[in-house]
């Protein structure tokens, strides 16, 4: 299976009390979401370990990313997930 996945189409960083908590990355297809989860879940990003999963209880084109901090921007996440 090809380990590559398409670039995220949209990224939304969610905050609680102005502190980033998690992000949603939306892809164009489910296969890219599954590949992103397989490749990036458990990876270290700075001092944080990424925890990825589907954004809803149903399969969707979004991936949920836990462990987002103030230093994470949409541009930064896009660059990390495009690798």
C-alpha atoms as a PDB file:
ATOM      1  CA  UNK A   1       0.000   0.000   0.000  1.00  0.00           C
ATOM      2  CA  UNK A   2       1.278   3.472  -0.863  1.00  0.00           C
ATOM      3  CA  UNK A   3       2.071   5.313   2.384  1.00  0.00           C
ATOM      4  CA  UNK A   4       1.422   8.716   0.795  1.00  0.00           C
ATOM      5  CA  UNK A   5      -1.816  10.612   1.227  1.00  0.00           C
ATOM      6  CA  UNK A   6      -3.245  13.712  -0.399  1.00  0.00           C
ATOM      7  CA  UNK A   7      -2.669  17.156   1.064  1.00  0.00           C
ATOM      8  CA  UNK A   8      -5.218  18.354   3.594  1.00  0.00           C
ATOM      9  CA  UNK A   9      -7.888  20.493   1.930  1.00  0.00           C
ATOM     10  CA  UNK A  10      -8.828  22.416   5.090  1.00  0.00           C
ATOM     11  CA  UNK A  11      -7.406  22.715   8.593  1.00  0.00           C
ATOM     12  CA  UNK A  12      -9.243  24.033  11.638  1.00  0.00           C
ATOM     13  CA  UNK A  13      -7.470  24.382  14.987  1.00  0.00           C
ATOM     14  CA  UNK A  14      -9.890  24.191  17.929  1.00  0.00           C
ATOM     15  CA  UNK A  15      -9.144  26.133  21.115  1.00  0.00           C
ATOM     16  CA  UNK A  16     -10.453  26.029  24.660  1.00  0.00           C
ATOM     17  CA  UNK A  17      -9.933  29.212  26.709  1.00  0.00           C
ATOM     18  CA  UNK A  18      -7.730  30.496  23.848  1.00  0.00           C
ATOM     19  CA  UNK A  19      -5.427  27.454  24.163  1.00  0.00           C
ATOM     20  CA  UNK A  20      -5.166  25.081  21.169  1.00  0.00           C
ATOM     21  CA  UNK A  21      -6.452  21.616  22.075  1.00  0.00           C
ATOM     22  CA  UNK A  22      -6.904  19.733  18.811  1.00  0.00           C
ATOM     23  CA  UNK A  23      -7.323  20.211  15.080  1.00  0.00           C
ATOM     24  CA  UNK A  24      -9.390  18.844  12.232  1.00  0.00           C
ATOM     25  CA  UNK A  25      -7.675  18.225   8.900  1.00  0.00           C
ATOM     26  CA  UNK A  26     -10.058  17.597   6.018  1.00  0.00           C
ATOM     27  CA  UNK A  27      -9.025  15.478   3.050  1.00  0.00           C
ATOM     28  CA  UNK A  28     -10.733  14.923  -0.293  1.00  0.00           C
ATOM     29  CA  UNK A  29     -11.018  11.166   0.132  1.00  0.00           C
ATOM     30  CA  UNK A  30     -11.319   8.546   2.856  1.00  0.00           C
ATOM     31  CA  UNK A  31      -8.261   6.617   1.652  1.00  0.00           C
ATOM     32  CA  UNK A  32      -6.059   9.630   2.420  1.00  0.00           C
ATOM     33  CA  UNK A  33      -7.577   9.932   5.904  1.00  0.00           C
ATOM     34  CA  UNK A  34      -6.852   6.267   6.627  1.00  0.00           C
ATOM     35  CA  UNK A  35      -3.291   6.600   5.305  1.00  0.00           C
ATOM     36  CA  UNK A  36      -2.701   9.780   7.359  1.00  0.00           C
ATOM     37  CA  UNK A  37      -3.901   7.982  10.497  1.00  0.00           C
ATOM     38  CA  UNK A  38      -1.743   4.941   9.761  1.00  0.00           C
ATOM     39  CA  UNK A  39       1.371   7.011   9.076  1.00  0.00           C
ATOM     40  CA  UNK A  40       1.052   9.843  11.610  1.00  0.00           C
ATOM     41  CA  UNK A  41      -0.735   8.343  14.659  1.00  0.00           C
ATOM     42  CA  UNK A  42       1.783   8.114  17.499  1.00  0.00           C
ATOM     43  CA  UNK A  43       4.392  10.269  15.732  1.00  0.00           C
ATOM     44  CA  UNK A  44       6.214  12.937  17.735  1.00  0.00           C
ATOM     45  CA  UNK A  45       5.641  16.557  16.735  1.00  0.00           C
ATOM     46  CA  UNK A  46       7.896  18.675  18.903  1.00  0.00           C
ATOM     47  CA  UNK A  47       7.319  17.518  22.493  1.00  0.00           C
ATOM     48  CA  UNK A  48       3.870  16.140  21.681  1.00  0.00           C
ATOM     49  CA  UNK A  49       2.777  12.722  20.531  1.00  0.00           C
ATOM     50  CA  UNK A  50       0.066  12.882  17.877  1.00  0.00           C
ATOM     51  CA  UNK A  51      -3.134  10.955  18.421  1.00  0.00           C
ATOM     52  CA  UNK A  52      -5.216  10.714  15.259  1.00  0.00           C
ATOM     53  CA  UNK A  53      -8.682   9.412  14.604  1.00  0.00           C
ATOM     54  CA  UNK A  54     -11.811  10.105  12.609  1.00  0.00           C
ATOM     55  CA  UNK A  55     -13.406  13.461  13.428  1.00  0.00           C
ATOM     56  CA  UNK A  56     -16.855  11.972  13.885  1.00  0.00           C
ATOM     57  CA  UNK A  57     -18.246   8.613  14.908  1.00  0.00           C
ATOM     58  CA  UNK A  58     -18.793   7.913  11.216  1.00  0.00           C
ATOM     59  CA  UNK A  59     -16.075   7.665   8.612  1.00  0.00           C
ATOM     60  CA  UNK A  60     -15.474  11.100   7.128  1.00  0.00           C
ATOM     61  CA  UNK A  61     -12.862  12.971   5.134  1.00  0.00           C
ATOM     62  CA  UNK A  62     -11.559  14.674   8.307  1.00  0.00           C
ATOM     63  CA  UNK A  63      -8.839  13.464  10.621  1.00  0.00           C
ATOM     64  CA  UNK A  64      -8.769  14.498  14.286  1.00  0.00           C
ATOM     65  CA  UNK A  65      -5.403  15.525  15.745  1.00  0.00           C
ATOM     66  CA  UNK A  66      -4.956  15.755  19.530  1.00  0.00           C
ATOM     67  CA  UNK A  67      -2.014  17.455  21.221  1.00  0.00           C
ATOM     68  CA  UNK A  68      -2.105  20.792  19.395  1.00  0.00           C
ATOM     69  CA  UNK A  69      -0.240  23.641  21.157  1.00  0.00           C
ATOM     70  CA  UNK A  70       0.115  27.421  20.733  1.00  0.00           C
ATOM     71  CA  UNK A  71       3.045  26.892  18.373  1.00  0.00           C
ATOM     72  CA  UNK A  72       0.905  24.911  15.898  1.00  0.00           C
ATOM     73  CA  UNK A  73      -0.498  26.940  13.015  1.00  0.00           C
ATOM     74  CA  UNK A  74      -2.607  25.772  10.112  1.00  0.00           C
ATOM     75  CA  UNK A  75       0.425  26.323   7.854  1.00  0.00           C
ATOM     76  CA  UNK A  76       2.645  24.259  10.173  1.00  0.00           C
ATOM     77  CA  UNK A  77       0.184  21.351  10.325  1.00  0.00           C
ATOM     78  CA  UNK A  78      -0.284  21.453   6.553  1.00  0.00           C
ATOM     79  CA  UNK A  79       3.493  21.273   6.031  1.00  0.00           C
ATOM     80  CA  UNK A  80       3.874  18.356   8.450  1.00  0.00           C
ATOM     81  CA  UNK A  81       1.045  16.345   6.905  1.00  0.00           C
ATOM     82  CA  UNK A  82       2.208  17.019   3.330  1.00  0.00           C
ATOM     83  CA  UNK A  83       5.481  15.171   3.966  1.00  0.00           C
END
